[in-house]
Amino acid sequence: MAAADISLQNEAVLNAALTGLTARGQKSLPPWLFYDEAGSLLFEQITALPEYYLTRTEREVFVTHADEIVTALGADVTLAELGAGSAAKTGVLLRAATKFQDEVLYQPIDISPSALDEAAASIAERIPGVKVEPQVANYITERYDIARPKGQKVLALYIGSSIGNFSPSEAVQILSNLRQHLQVGDALLLGTDLSPSVEKSVDTLLAAYDDAAGVTAAFNLNVLARLNCELGADFDVAAFAHRARWNQGCSRIEMHLESLIAQTVHIAGETISFAAGETIHTENSHKFTEASLQQLLGSADFSASRTFLSPTKSFAVTLAVAV
C-alpha cells in the first residue's frame, strides 16, 4: 500500500505510528491506537477479568453513591462521557438520573463506532427514559461537541481511570479541552486508580495488567495487528511479547511490547529496526494520590467537591465542579 494511499485513508494513525516508532530513544505508540473494533472487544473482556479490579471497584462506588452524584448539581443534568466504550458502568448513573427527571440525554463520545452502537442498543433496551446521542470522535485528537438542553447542567464523565493513561501534561490538556465545553457550575466525574498502599500491593497492580488468561497481552499485541491491517505494515506479531512493569518513580504501570529477536518492520516506505529486547512503550497507567489528583484538577480549572472511595480504598471517583 502506498504512503499516499495510507495518508488518505487514515492519516492520524499513520502519523501517530511513524512519530512514535521513528523517535530517538524509546519507541512508543499512543494508547488510543488500541481501540479499533477488535481492541475495543478485548478491552471489554479485560474489564470482566478477576485480576482487573478497577471496573468492579468503580462500579461499587457508582451503585452506592449514584443518587448523590446525579443530584449534586441541583438541576437536571445531561451526561456526556469521554471514551464511553460500551457504557456498561454508566448505566448505573443513568438509571439514577431517570428517577429525578423525565428524560435524560446521554452523549457518549468514543473512537469506536461498534462500541457506541452496542452502548446505544443496550441502554435503549434496559433504561427507558434515556435518549442516546452518540458521537464518533477521538477526543484526544479530534473536535467533539457537547449539547446542553435548556435549563440543564452538564455532568461530564471521564471514568475507568482512563486519565491515567496519559502523561501529567497530556492529562491536564485533556481536562482543559473538556473544561472549554463546560460552564461554571457544570461538573466532571473523574475515576482514578490510587497508588499502592497497605490495602493494595504492587503485585495486585501488576496482575491487573498481565492477567493469567493472556487477554491483556492480546489487547496490547492487537495494536500491531491494527497497523498491519490499516497501514500495510509487516509486523510479525508473534515476534513481540507483552510486558507490564511498575515504575515507582513515576507512580505508573507501563505496558510495553518487547521485540523477541532483532528484526526490521516496514510502514509506508519507512524501515524501522528493532534490537532483540527492545520495546515499544504502548501505555501508561498512572496511579494517583490525593495531592496529585488535586493538582491535576486545579490545573484544568476544576475544584473537587466530593471524593468517593471504594470500600478497599484502592479507587477514587471525584466529583469536581468547573470554576
C-alpha atoms as a PDB file:
ATOM      1  CA  MET A   1       0.000   0.000   0.000  1.00  0.00           C
ATOM      2  CA  ALA A   2       1.464   3.339  -0.987  1.00  0.00           C
ATOM      3  CA  ALA A   3       2.122   6.013   1.615  1.00  0.00           C
ATOM      4  CA  ALA A   4      -0.189   8.431  -0.183  1.00  0.00           C
ATOM      5  CA  ASP A   5      -2.993   5.884  -0.086  1.00  0.00           C
ATOM      6  CA  ILE A   6      -2.478   5.340   3.639  1.00  0.00           C
ATOM      7  CA  SER A   7      -2.479   9.064   4.295  1.00  0.00           C
ATOM      8  CA  LEU A   8      -5.825   9.468   2.563  1.00  0.00           C
ATOM      9  CA  GLN A   9      -7.377   6.562   4.455  1.00  0.00           C
ATOM     10  CA  ASN A  10      -6.061   7.071   7.938  1.00  0.00           C
ATOM     11  CA  GLU A  11      -3.638   9.929   8.317  1.00  0.00           C
ATOM     12  CA  ALA A  12      -3.958  10.159  12.104  1.00  0.00           C
ATOM     13  CA  VAL A  13      -2.995   6.505  12.599  1.00  0.00           C
ATOM     14  CA  LEU A  14      -0.086   6.810  10.198  1.00  0.00           C
ATOM     15  CA  ASN A  15       1.246   9.974  11.794  1.00  0.00           C
ATOM     16  CA  ALA A  16       0.960   8.550  15.292  1.00  0.00           C
ATOM     17  CA  ALA A  17       2.716   5.321  14.322  1.00  0.00           C
ATOM     18  CA  LEU A  18       5.604   6.956  12.485  1.00  0.00           C
ATOM     19  CA  THR A  19       6.088   9.674  15.102  1.00  0.00           C
ATOM     20  CA  GLY A  20       6.358   7.142  17.898  1.00  0.00           C
ATOM     21  CA  LEU A  21       8.288   4.392  16.136  1.00  0.00           C
ATOM     22  CA  THR A  22      10.916   6.608  14.496  1.00  0.00           C
ATOM     23  CA  ALA A  23      11.612   8.744  17.571  1.00  0.00           C
ATOM     24  CA  ARG A  24      15.102   8.740  19.052  1.00  0.00           C
ATOM     25  CA  GLY A  25      15.386   6.636  22.167  1.00  0.00           C
ATOM     26  CA  GLN A  26      12.298   4.827  23.425  1.00  0.00           C
ATOM     27  CA  LYS A  27       9.886   3.770  20.670  1.00  0.00           C
ATOM     28  CA  SER A  28       6.233   4.301  21.543  1.00  0.00           C
ATOM     29  CA  LEU A  29       2.658   4.188  20.296  1.00  0.00           C
ATOM     30  CA  PRO A  30      -0.206   6.247  21.779  1.00  0.00           C
ATOM     31  CA  PRO A  31      -2.815   4.234  23.724  1.00  0.00           C
ATOM     32  CA  TRP A  32      -5.745   5.449  21.615  1.00  0.00           C
ATOM     33  CA  LEU A  33      -4.462   3.145  18.863  1.00  0.00           C
ATOM     34  CA  PHE A  34      -5.632   0.184  20.950  1.00  0.00           C
ATOM     35  CA  TYR A  35      -9.277   0.886  20.226  1.00  0.00           C
ATOM     36  CA  ASP A  36     -10.168  -0.471  16.830  1.00  0.00           C
ATOM     37  CA  GLU A  37     -13.116  -2.888  16.808  1.00  0.00           C
ATOM     38  CA  ALA A  38     -11.024  -5.876  17.912  1.00  0.00           C
ATOM     39  CA  GLY A  39      -9.246  -3.856  20.587  1.00  0.00           C
ATOM     40  CA  SER A  40     -12.498  -2.494  21.981  1.00  0.00           C
ATOM     41  CA  LEU A  41     -13.878  -6.029  22.298  1.00  0.00           C
ATOM     42  CA  LEU A  42     -10.714  -7.210  24.028  1.00  0.00           C
ATOM     43  CA  PHE A  43     -10.864  -4.330  26.480  1.00  0.00           C
ATOM     44  CA  GLU A  44     -14.432  -5.230  27.400  1.00  0.00           C
ATOM     45  CA  GLN A  45     -13.146  -8.734  28.182  1.00  0.00           C
ATOM     46  CA  ILE A  46     -10.370  -7.242  30.335  1.00  0.00           C
ATOM     47  CA  THR A  47     -12.896  -5.366  32.472  1.00  0.00           C
ATOM     48  CA  ALA A  48     -14.507  -8.693  33.452  1.00  0.00           C
ATOM     49  CA  LEU A  49     -11.254 -10.424  34.444  1.00  0.00           C
ATOM     50  CA  PRO A  50     -10.781 -11.361  38.112  1.00  0.00           C
ATOM     51  CA  GLU A  51      -7.424  -9.564  38.216  1.00  0.00           C
ATOM     52  CA  TYR A  52      -8.807  -6.305  36.812  1.00  0.00           C
ATOM     53  CA  TYR A  53     -10.232  -4.786  39.983  1.00  0.00           C
ATOM     54  CA  LEU A  54     -10.689  -1.272  38.547  1.00  0.00           C
ATOM     55  CA  THR A  55     -14.047  -1.846  36.862  1.00  0.00           C
ATOM     56  CA  ARG A  56     -15.569  -3.713  39.811  1.00  0.00           C
ATOM     57  CA  THR A  57     -14.473  -1.184  42.394  1.00  0.00           C
ATOM     58  CA  GLU A  58     -15.600   1.826  40.375  1.00  0.00           C
ATOM     59  CA  ARG A  59     -18.977   0.211  39.776  1.00  0.00           C
ATOM     60  CA  GLU A  60     -19.329  -0.376  43.522  1.00  0.00           C
ATOM     61  CA  VAL A  61     -18.835   3.352  44.078  1.00  0.00           C
ATOM     62  CA  PHE A  62     -21.498   4.168  41.488  1.00  0.00           C
ATOM     63  CA  VAL A  63     -24.004   1.732  42.988  1.00  0.00           C
ATOM     64  CA  THR A  64     -23.509   3.219  46.446  1.00  0.00           C
ATOM     65  CA  HIS A  65     -23.461   6.906  45.510  1.00  0.00           C
ATOM     66  CA  ALA A  66     -25.306   7.241  42.175  1.00  0.00           C
ATOM     67  CA  ASP A  67     -28.262   9.240  43.522  1.00  0.00           C
ATOM     68  CA  GLU A  68     -25.961  11.669  45.307  1.00  0.00           C
ATOM     69  CA  ILE A  69     -23.794  12.106  42.207  1.00  0.00           C
ATOM     70  CA  VAL A  70     -26.583  12.855  39.721  1.00  0.00           C
ATOM     71  CA  THR A  71     -28.377  15.284  42.051  1.00  0.00           C
ATOM     72  CA  ALA A  72     -25.275  17.108  43.300  1.00  0.00           C
ATOM     73  CA  LEU A  73     -25.564  19.936  40.752  1.00  0.00           C
ATOM     74  CA  GLY A  74     -29.021  20.950  41.956  1.00  0.00           C
ATOM     75  CA  ALA A  75     -30.575  20.799  38.473  1.00  0.00           C
ATOM     76  CA  ASP A  76     -31.489  18.353  35.736  1.00  0.00           C
ATOM     77  CA  VAL A  77     -28.353  17.055  34.036  1.00  0.00           C
ATOM     78  CA  THR A  78     -27.212  15.771  30.687  1.00  0.00           C
ATOM     79  CA  LEU A  79     -24.446  13.185  30.896  1.00  0.00           C
ATOM     80  CA  ALA A  80     -21.584  13.380  28.404  1.00  0.00           C
ATOM     81  CA  GLU A  81     -18.896  10.718  28.528  1.00  0.00           C
ATOM     82  CA  LEU A  82     -15.391  10.724  27.052  1.00  0.00           C
ATOM     83  CA  GLY A  83     -14.177   7.301  25.938  1.00  0.00           C
ATOM     84  CA  ALA A  84     -17.547   5.758  26.670  1.00  0.00           C
ATOM     85  CA  GLY A  85     -16.922   2.329  25.154  1.00  0.00           C
ATOM     86  CA  SER A  86     -19.956   0.118  25.736  1.00  0.00           C
ATOM     87  CA  ALA A  87     -21.029   2.288  28.706  1.00  0.00           C
ATOM     88  CA  ALA A  88     -21.622  -0.741  30.924  1.00  0.00           C
ATOM     89  CA  LYS A  89     -20.973   1.076  34.221  1.00  0.00           C
ATOM     90  CA  THR A  90     -22.593   4.314  33.091  1.00  0.00           C
ATOM     91  CA  GLY A  91     -25.964   2.598  33.171  1.00  0.00           C
ATOM     92  CA  VAL A  92     -25.885   2.782  36.971  1.00  0.00           C
ATOM     93  CA  LEU A  93     -25.734   6.587  36.806  1.00  0.00           C
ATOM     94  CA  LEU A  94     -28.297   6.827  34.006  1.00  0.00           C
ATOM     95  CA  ARG A  95     -30.809   4.757  35.968  1.00  0.00           C
ATOM     96  CA  ALA A  96     -30.326   7.028  38.935  1.00  0.00           C
ATOM     97  CA  ALA A  97     -30.837  10.142  36.801  1.00  0.00           C
ATOM     98  CA  THR A  98     -34.136   8.839  35.401  1.00  0.00           C
ATOM     99  CA  LYS A  99     -35.521   8.777  38.933  1.00  0.00           C
ATOM    100  CA  PHE A 100     -35.220  12.564  39.149  1.00  0.00           C
ATOM    101  CA  GLN A 101     -36.014  13.825  35.633  1.00  0.00           C
ATOM    102  CA  ASP A 102     -38.437  12.839  32.880  1.00  0.00           C
ATOM    103  CA  GLU A 103     -35.822  12.362  30.153  1.00  0.00           C
ATOM    104  CA  VAL A 104     -32.054  12.088  30.370  1.00  0.00           C
ATOM    105  CA  LEU A 105     -29.844  12.966  27.417  1.00  0.00           C
ATOM    106  CA  TYR A 106     -26.717  10.804  27.321  1.00  0.00           C
ATOM    107  CA  GLN A 107     -23.905  11.814  24.958  1.00  0.00           C
ATOM    108  CA  PRO A 108     -21.255   9.077  24.685  1.00  0.00           C
ATOM    109  CA  ILE A 109     -18.094  10.049  22.780  1.00  0.00           C
ATOM    110  CA  ASP A 110     -15.790   7.289  21.600  1.00  0.00           C
ATOM    111  CA  ILE A 111     -13.396   6.410  18.814  1.00  0.00           C
ATOM    112  CA  SER A 112     -15.099   3.037  18.219  1.00  0.00           C
ATOM    113  CA  PRO A 113     -18.382   3.057  16.232  1.00  0.00           C
ATOM    114  CA  SER A 114     -19.071  -0.557  17.194  1.00  0.00           C
ATOM    115  CA  ALA A 115     -18.743   0.207  20.909  1.00  0.00           C
ATOM    116  CA  LEU A 116     -21.107   3.173  20.576  1.00  0.00           C
ATOM    117  CA  ASP A 117     -23.629   1.065  18.673  1.00  0.00           C
ATOM    118  CA  GLU A 118     -23.518  -1.512  21.454  1.00  0.00           C
ATOM    119  CA  ALA A 119     -23.926   1.164  24.108  1.00  0.00           C
ATOM    120  CA  ALA A 120     -26.888   2.798  22.376  1.00  0.00           C
ATOM    121  CA  ALA A 121     -28.682  -0.513  21.806  1.00  0.00           C
ATOM    122  CA  SER A 122     -28.101  -1.730  25.350  1.00  0.00           C
ATOM    123  CA  ILE A 123     -29.241   1.489  27.010  1.00  0.00           C
ATOM    124  CA  ALA A 124     -32.340   1.753  24.817  1.00  0.00           C
ATOM    125  CA  GLU A 125     -33.288  -1.790  25.808  1.00  0.00           C
ATOM    126  CA  ARG A 126     -32.519  -1.586  29.520  1.00  0.00           C
ATOM    127  CA  ILE A 127     -33.124   2.004  30.629  1.00  0.00           C
ATOM    128  CA  PRO A 128     -36.340   3.717  29.494  1.00  0.00           C
ATOM    129  CA  GLY A 129     -36.233   7.483  29.693  1.00  0.00           C
ATOM    130  CA  VAL A 130     -32.707   7.867  28.313  1.00  0.00           C
ATOM    131  CA  LYS A 131     -32.089   9.463  24.924  1.00  0.00           C
ATOM    132  CA  VAL A 132     -28.719   8.485  23.492  1.00  0.00           C
ATOM    133  CA  GLU A 133     -26.888  10.757  21.051  1.00  0.00           C
ATOM    134  CA  PRO A 134     -23.555   9.032  20.324  1.00  0.00           C
ATOM    135  CA  GLN A 135     -20.636  10.820  18.733  1.00  0.00           C
ATOM    136  CA  VAL A 136     -17.753   9.050  16.977  1.00  0.00           C
ATOM    137  CA  ALA A 137     -14.606  11.037  17.707  1.00  0.00           C
ATOM    138  CA  ASN A 138     -11.117  10.636  19.051  1.00  0.00           C
ATOM    139  CA  TYR A 139     -11.438  13.068  21.946  1.00  0.00           C
ATOM    140  CA  ILE A 140      -7.618  13.307  22.084  1.00  0.00           C
ATOM    141  CA  THR A 141      -7.018  14.451  18.508  1.00  0.00           C
ATOM    142  CA  GLU A 142     -10.420  15.476  17.132  1.00  0.00           C
ATOM    143  CA  ARG A 143     -13.042  18.080  17.882  1.00  0.00           C
ATOM    144  CA  TYR A 144     -16.170  16.965  19.691  1.00  0.00           C
ATOM    145  CA  ASP A 145     -19.339  18.706  20.847  1.00  0.00           C
ATOM    146  CA  ILE A 146     -21.451  18.565  23.982  1.00  0.00           C
ATOM    147  CA  ALA A 147     -25.091  19.639  23.676  1.00  0.00           C
ATOM    148  CA  ARG A 148     -26.821  21.412  26.569  1.00  0.00           C
ATOM    149  CA  PRO A 149     -30.600  21.040  26.861  1.00  0.00           C
ATOM    150  CA  LYS A 150     -32.259  24.215  28.087  1.00  0.00           C
ATOM    151  CA  GLY A 151     -32.121  24.635  31.837  1.00  0.00           C
ATOM    152  CA  GLN A 152     -29.785  21.693  32.395  1.00  0.00           C
ATOM    153  CA  LYS A 153     -26.234  21.350  33.608  1.00  0.00           C
ATOM    154  CA  VAL A 154     -23.599  19.089  32.108  1.00  0.00           C
ATOM    155  CA  LEU A 155     -22.188  16.215  34.124  1.00  0.00           C
ATOM    156  CA  ALA A 156     -19.136  15.116  32.135  1.00  0.00           C
ATOM    157  CA  LEU A 157     -17.877  11.607  32.798  1.00  0.00           C
ATOM    158  CA  TYR A 158     -14.274  10.543  32.411  1.00  0.00           C
ATOM    159  CA  ILE A 159     -14.225   7.267  34.266  1.00  0.00           C
ATOM    160  CA  GLY A 160     -12.375   3.954  34.352  1.00  0.00           C
ATOM    161  CA  SER A 161      -9.107   5.701  35.266  1.00  0.00           C
ATOM    162  CA  SER A 162      -8.629   6.486  31.576  1.00  0.00           C
ATOM    163  CA  ILE A 163      -6.934   9.764  32.567  1.00  0.00           C
ATOM    164  CA  GLY A 164      -4.105   7.664  33.994  1.00  0.00           C
ATOM    165  CA  ASN A 165      -3.109   6.546  30.508  1.00  0.00           C
ATOM    166  CA  PHE A 166      -1.613   9.941  29.774  1.00  0.00           C
ATOM    167  CA  SER A 167       1.378  11.919  30.960  1.00  0.00           C
ATOM    168  CA  PRO A 168       0.648  14.641  33.528  1.00  0.00           C
ATOM    169  CA  SER A 169       0.829  17.354  30.864  1.00  0.00           C
ATOM    170  CA  GLU A 170      -1.397  15.382  28.464  1.00  0.00           C
ATOM    171  CA  ALA A 171      -3.899  14.734  31.255  1.00  0.00           C
ATOM    172  CA  VAL A 172      -4.118  18.453  32.013  1.00  0.00           C
ATOM    173  CA  GLN A 173      -4.649  19.179  28.306  1.00  0.00           C
ATOM    174  CA  ILE A 174      -7.472  16.613  28.019  1.00  0.00           C
ATOM    175  CA  LEU A 175      -9.296  18.032  31.024  1.00  0.00           C
ATOM    176  CA  SER A 176      -8.640  21.615  29.898  1.00  0.00           C
ATOM    177  CA  ASN A 177     -10.160  20.826  26.498  1.00  0.00           C
ATOM    178  CA  LEU A 178     -13.177  19.347  28.244  1.00  0.00           C
ATOM    179  CA  ARG A 179     -13.427  22.386  30.506  1.00  0.00           C
ATOM    180  CA  GLN A 180     -13.864  24.573  27.410  1.00  0.00           C
ATOM    181  CA  HIS A 181     -17.148  22.762  26.709  1.00  0.00           C
ATOM    182  CA  LEU A 182     -18.466  23.441  30.200  1.00  0.00           C
ATOM    183  CA  GLN A 183     -19.858  26.420  32.059  1.00  0.00           C
ATOM    184  CA  VAL A 184     -19.129  27.415  35.619  1.00  0.00           C
ATOM    185  CA  GLY A 185     -21.222  25.137  37.818  1.00  0.00           C
ATOM    186  CA  ASP A 186     -21.116  22.153  35.466  1.00  0.00           C
ATOM    187  CA  ALA A 187     -19.162  19.189  36.772  1.00  0.00           C
ATOM    188  CA  LEU A 188     -16.706  16.434  35.941  1.00  0.00           C
ATOM    189  CA  LEU A 189     -16.938  12.929  37.390  1.00  0.00           C
ATOM    190  CA  LEU A 190     -13.395  11.567  37.252  1.00  0.00           C
ATOM    191  CA  GLY A 191     -12.403   7.972  38.023  1.00  0.00           C
ATOM    192  CA  THR A 192      -8.801   7.438  39.153  1.00  0.00           C
ATOM    193  CA  ASP A 193      -6.890   4.422  40.359  1.00  0.00           C
ATOM    194  CA  LEU A 194      -4.868   5.055  43.505  1.00  0.00           C
ATOM    195  CA  SER A 195      -1.210   4.474  44.285  1.00  0.00           C
ATOM    196  CA  PRO A 196      -0.056   1.294  46.066  1.00  0.00           C
ATOM    197  CA  SER A 197      -0.889   1.273  49.756  1.00  0.00           C
ATOM    198  CA  VAL A 198      -1.430  -1.045  52.690  1.00  0.00           C
ATOM    199  CA  GLU A 199      -4.693  -2.085  51.012  1.00  0.00           C
ATOM    200  CA  LYS A 200      -3.225  -2.595  47.525  1.00  0.00           C
ATOM    201  CA  SER A 201       0.160  -4.109  46.704  1.00  0.00           C
ATOM    202  CA  VAL A 202       2.320  -3.625  43.624  1.00  0.00           C
ATOM    203  CA  ASP A 203       1.690  -7.302  42.809  1.00  0.00           C
ATOM    204  CA  THR A 204      -2.046  -6.599  42.683  1.00  0.00           C
ATOM    205  CA  LEU A 205      -1.395  -3.740  40.291  1.00  0.00           C
ATOM    206  CA  LEU A 206       0.826  -5.815  38.014  1.00  0.00           C
ATOM    207  CA  ALA A 207      -1.671  -8.670  37.847  1.00  0.00           C
ATOM    208  CA  ALA A 208      -4.364  -6.263  36.647  1.00  0.00           C
ATOM    209  CA  TYR A 209      -2.227  -5.525  33.573  1.00  0.00           C
ATOM    210  CA  ASP A 210      -0.819  -9.009  32.978  1.00  0.00           C
ATOM    211  CA  ASP A 211      -3.661 -11.448  33.587  1.00  0.00           C
ATOM    212  CA  ALA A 212      -3.256 -15.197  33.681  1.00  0.00           C
ATOM    213  CA  ALA A 213      -5.583 -15.747  30.707  1.00  0.00           C
ATOM    214  CA  GLY A 214      -3.475 -13.531  28.448  1.00  0.00           C
ATOM    215  CA  VAL A 215      -6.304 -11.177  27.455  1.00  0.00           C
ATOM    216  CA  THR A 216      -4.280  -8.053  28.230  1.00  0.00           C
ATOM    217  CA  ALA A 217      -1.385  -9.474  26.211  1.00  0.00           C
ATOM    218  CA  ALA A 218      -3.728  -9.979  23.245  1.00  0.00           C
ATOM    219  CA  PHE A 219      -5.043  -6.434  23.708  1.00  0.00           C
ATOM    220  CA  ASN A 220      -1.531  -4.999  23.661  1.00  0.00           C
ATOM    221  CA  LEU A 221      -0.386  -7.068  20.668  1.00  0.00           C
ATOM    222  CA  ASN A 222      -3.531  -6.169  18.716  1.00  0.00           C
ATOM    223  CA  VAL A 223      -2.126  -2.684  18.139  1.00  0.00           C
ATOM    224  CA  LEU A 224       0.487  -4.242  15.840  1.00  0.00           C
ATOM    225  CA  ALA A 225      -2.197  -6.201  14.003  1.00  0.00           C
ATOM    226  CA  ARG A 226      -4.086  -2.927  13.546  1.00  0.00           C
ATOM    227  CA  LEU A 227      -1.038  -1.269  11.973  1.00  0.00           C
ATOM    228  CA  ASN A 228      -0.638  -4.243   9.650  1.00  0.00           C
ATOM    229  CA  CYS A 229      -4.287  -4.051   8.618  1.00  0.00           C
ATOM    230  CA  GLU A 230      -4.734  -0.292   8.289  1.00  0.00           C
ATOM    231  CA  LEU A 231      -1.264   0.824   7.205  1.00  0.00           C
ATOM    232  CA  GLY A 232       0.034  -2.213   5.337  1.00  0.00           C
ATOM    233  CA  ALA A 233       2.822  -2.681   7.891  1.00  0.00           C
ATOM    234  CA  ASP A 234       4.549  -6.050   8.159  1.00  0.00           C
ATOM    235  CA  PHE A 235       4.898  -6.634  11.902  1.00  0.00           C
ATOM    236  CA  ASP A 236       5.408 -10.283  12.826  1.00  0.00           C
ATOM    237  CA  VAL A 237       3.106 -10.121  15.835  1.00  0.00           C
ATOM    238  CA  ALA A 238       4.431 -13.440  17.162  1.00  0.00           C
ATOM    239  CA  ALA A 239       7.909 -11.899  17.369  1.00  0.00           C
ATOM    240  CA  PHE A 240       6.757  -9.470  20.089  1.00  0.00           C
ATOM    241  CA  ALA A 241       5.683 -10.143  23.659  1.00  0.00           C
ATOM    242  CA  HIS A 242       3.566  -8.233  26.167  1.00  0.00           C
ATOM    243  CA  ARG A 243       5.358  -6.813  29.203  1.00  0.00           C
ATOM    244  CA  ALA A 244       3.900  -4.971  32.222  1.00  0.00           C
ATOM    245  CA  ARG A 245       6.181  -3.033  34.604  1.00  0.00           C
ATOM    246  CA  TRP A 246       5.776  -0.913  37.717  1.00  0.00           C
ATOM    247  CA  ASN A 247       7.644   2.411  37.535  1.00  0.00           C
ATOM    248  CA  GLN A 248       7.901   3.573  41.130  1.00  0.00           C
ATOM    249  CA  GLY A 249       9.453   6.947  40.312  1.00  0.00           C
ATOM    250  CA  CYS A 250       6.575   7.931  38.018  1.00  0.00           C
ATOM    251  CA  SER A 251       3.892   6.071  40.031  1.00  0.00           C
ATOM    252  CA  ARG A 252       2.644   4.188  36.999  1.00  0.00           C
ATOM    253  CA  ILE A 253       2.200   0.812  35.405  1.00  0.00           C
ATOM    254  CA  GLU A 254       3.840   0.704  31.973  1.00  0.00           C
ATOM    255  CA  MET A 255       2.856  -1.619  29.154  1.00  0.00           C
ATOM    256  CA  HIS A 256       5.451  -2.474  26.531  1.00  0.00           C
ATOM    257  CA  LEU A 257       5.794  -4.744  23.521  1.00  0.00           C
ATOM    258  CA  GLU A 258       9.203  -6.419  23.555  1.00  0.00           C
ATOM    259  CA  SER A 259      10.895  -7.497  20.350  1.00  0.00           C
ATOM    260  CA  LEU A 260      11.975 -11.100  20.899  1.00  0.00           C
ATOM    261  CA  ILE A 261      14.515 -11.002  18.079  1.00  0.00           C
ATOM    262  CA  ALA A 262      16.481  -8.464  16.049  1.00  0.00           C
ATOM    263  CA  GLN A 263      14.158  -7.529  13.195  1.00  0.00           C
ATOM    264  CA  THR A 264      13.027  -4.831  10.784  1.00  0.00           C
ATOM    265  CA  VAL A 265       9.496  -3.645  10.089  1.00  0.00           C
ATOM    266  CA  HIS A 266       8.222  -1.611   7.152  1.00  0.00           C
ATOM    267  CA  ILE A 267       5.486   1.022   7.350  1.00  0.00           C
ATOM    268  CA  ALA A 268       4.569   3.342   4.477  1.00  0.00           C
ATOM    269  CA  GLY A 269       8.040   3.271   2.987  1.00  0.00           C
ATOM    270  CA  GLU A 270       9.818   3.623   6.347  1.00  0.00           C
ATOM    271  CA  THR A 271      12.099   0.859   7.638  1.00  0.00           C
ATOM    272  CA  ILE A 272      12.149   0.522  11.424  1.00  0.00           C
ATOM    273  CA  SER A 273      14.781  -1.630  13.115  1.00  0.00           C
ATOM    274  CA  PHE A 274      14.389  -3.402  16.444  1.00  0.00           C
ATOM    275  CA  ALA A 275      17.130  -4.941  18.537  1.00  0.00           C
ATOM    276  CA  ALA A 276      16.362  -8.105  20.465  1.00  0.00           C
ATOM    277  CA  GLY A 277      14.872  -6.997  23.792  1.00  0.00           C
ATOM    278  CA  GLU A 278      13.970  -3.505  22.565  1.00  0.00           C
ATOM    279  CA  THR A 279      10.462  -2.380  23.447  1.00  0.00           C
ATOM    280  CA  ILE A 280       7.628  -0.248  22.170  1.00  0.00           C
ATOM    281  CA  HIS A 281       6.079   1.670  25.063  1.00  0.00           C
ATOM    282  CA  THR A 282       2.330   1.416  24.410  1.00  0.00           C
ATOM    283  CA  GLU A 283       0.575   2.588  27.562  1.00  0.00           C
ATOM    284  CA  ASN A 284       0.971   4.130  30.985  1.00  0.00           C
ATOM    285  CA  SER A 285      -1.498   3.800  33.804  1.00  0.00           C
ATOM    286  CA  HIS A 286      -0.680   6.471  36.358  1.00  0.00           C
ATOM    287  CA  LYS A 287      -1.765   5.903  39.939  1.00  0.00           C
ATOM    288  CA  PHE A 288      -2.809   8.920  41.969  1.00  0.00           C
ATOM    289  CA  THR A 289      -2.548  10.285  45.469  1.00  0.00           C
ATOM    290  CA  GLU A 290      -4.920  12.862  46.922  1.00  0.00           C
ATOM    291  CA  ALA A 291      -2.308  15.561  46.320  1.00  0.00           C
ATOM    292  CA  SER A 292      -1.590  14.640  42.685  1.00  0.00           C
ATOM    293  CA  LEU A 293      -5.309  14.404  41.935  1.00  0.00           C
ATOM    294  CA  GLN A 294      -5.972  17.852  43.418  1.00  0.00           C
ATOM    295  CA  GLN A 295      -3.091  19.298  41.395  1.00  0.00           C
ATOM    296  CA  LEU A 296      -4.404  17.773  38.150  1.00  0.00           C
ATOM    297  CA  LEU A 297      -7.927  19.103  38.658  1.00  0.00           C
ATOM    298  CA  GLY A 298      -6.789  22.561  39.684  1.00  0.00           C
ATOM    299  CA  SER A 299      -4.546  22.851  36.624  1.00  0.00           C
ATOM    300  CA  ALA A 300      -7.610  22.353  34.401  1.00  0.00           C
ATOM    301  CA  ASP A 301      -9.890  24.767  36.307  1.00  0.00           C
ATOM    302  CA  PHE A 302     -11.849  22.199  38.274  1.00  0.00           C
ATOM    303  CA  SER A 303     -12.344  22.096  42.028  1.00  0.00           C
ATOM    304  CA  ALA A 304     -13.026  18.790  43.761  1.00  0.00           C
ATOM    305  CA  SER A 305     -16.249  18.979  45.740  1.00  0.00           C
ATOM    306  CA  ARG A 306     -16.515  15.341  46.851  1.00  0.00           C
ATOM    307  CA  THR A 307     -14.383  12.223  46.501  1.00  0.00           C
ATOM    308  CA  PHE A 308     -15.937   8.792  46.878  1.00  0.00           C
ATOM    309  CA  LEU A 309     -13.567   5.919  47.721  1.00  0.00           C
ATOM    310  CA  SER A 310     -14.107   2.243  47.001  1.00  0.00           C
ATOM    311  CA  PRO A 311     -14.509   0.039  50.102  1.00  0.00           C
ATOM    312  CA  THR A 312     -10.894  -1.114  49.735  1.00  0.00           C
ATOM    313  CA  LYS A 313      -9.661   2.484  49.285  1.00  0.00           C
ATOM    314  CA  SER A 314      -7.996   1.403  46.053  1.00  0.00           C
ATOM    315  CA  PHE A 315     -10.029   3.566  43.662  1.00  0.00           C
ATOM    316  CA  ALA A 316     -11.428   7.102  43.795  1.00  0.00           C
ATOM    317  CA  VAL A 317     -14.365   8.734  41.994  1.00  0.00           C
ATOM    318  CA  THR A 318     -14.168  12.504  42.292  1.00  0.00           C
ATOM    319  CA  LEU A 319     -16.957  14.963  41.572  1.00  0.00           C
ATOM    320  CA  ALA A 320     -15.238  18.200  40.509  1.00  0.00           C
ATOM    321  CA  VAL A 321     -17.025  21.461  39.729  1.00  0.00           C
ATOM    322  CA  ALA A 322     -15.998  23.668  36.822  1.00  0.00           C
ATOM    323  CA  VAL A 323     -14.732  27.005  38.197  1.00  0.00           C
END
